[in-house]
Amino acid sequence: MFAAERRQLILEMVRANGAVSLRELARVVQTSEVTVRRDVRALEAEGLLDRRHGGAVLPGGFTRESGFPQKSHLATAEKTAIADLAAGLVEEGEAIVVGAGTTTQELARRLARVPGLTVVTNSLLVAQALAHANRVEVVMTGGTLRGSNYALVGSGAEQSLQGLRVSKAFLSGSGLTAERGLSTSNMLSASVDRALVQAASEVVVLADHTKLGTDTMFQTVPTDLVTRLVTDEPPAHDDRAATELQALADQGVQIAVAGASGNPGGDQVPARQQHQQRRDVSLPGPRRGVPGNGLRSASVLGEPPAGAERGRVADMRRR
């Protein structure tokens, strides 16, 4: 493929998806990431796109939201690894909220095996993934269906979450920065995500490396409310993603790095080592000063089970 053809295809992918990783671009155009990076740099010089941490986005500083069909084909290996690691944070008999997104959908598929779990969600995709899990209770919010991501939004969704209390909220989004926290490109989605956060004692953000350093229009979770970030291993050349991870850790966010190659072990060793390791650490209580870590909503379930949170959780605090 000639350079002009490659660049046209790259441009079409970015326009269709809003944001695409270099890894994905290299796979589609069947060339190396080094070559793709050179093409992206040339397209940026023409003002046709912007380079971001490990990828390319639409020009103008703020990415638009992609629809579900586009998102479902992006960073699939990374999302799988993130979901595998995040599922280890959920206890039997726990009550949690899970927001909309393709990564949270992957998480829901793994939660189907957790007995006694109650999942509150505004996502039809999350509910569908858990529909046949006999030992999992699914509680859906009200609201208006937003077809682009199969999520319930609006005042009905937000009102149904009032008075709810669960142990953890699992959320995704369009971008994550240490300065501004988690953000999304849609106002209605952002408003519901904020209501989900208010219901939880801990907030766990699921975001692959392409979202690190990306800022979008509507803030959903400020950095000081993010308890933990579960992400994948950034490419070796992506120094800016590593810098963003360091900045998040400096603000007290626990970092869990999953191996996109299929090993979901948390990374507590140099990021580019081939064999990642797991490390036992104790999990913190809620950072928002909400009493009763591990509380469930009395309207959803009864009293929470005693005991500490699950061991063998892979976390990395970069200080």
Foldseek 3Di string as FASTA:
>chain_A
DDLVVLLVVLLVLQVQAQKAFLVVSCVVVVHDSVSSVVSLVVCVVVVQWDDDQRIIGGPDQATAHHFPVSQLPGLVLFLLLLLVQVLQQDAALFEEEEEFDNSSLSNLLVCLPRANYEYEYQAPSSCVSNVPSPRYHYHYFAADADRRGRGHWDPRRLVSLPQWAGQEYEYEEQAAFLQFGGFHADPRSLVNLLSSLVRHLAYEYEDELSRYPRDHDGGRDGLLQHAEYEYEQRDPPRVVSVVRLLSSLVSNYKYFYQYSVPGSAGAADPRPDPDGHWDWDFGDTRSVPDPDRRAGRVVVDHGGDDDGTDTRRGIYRND
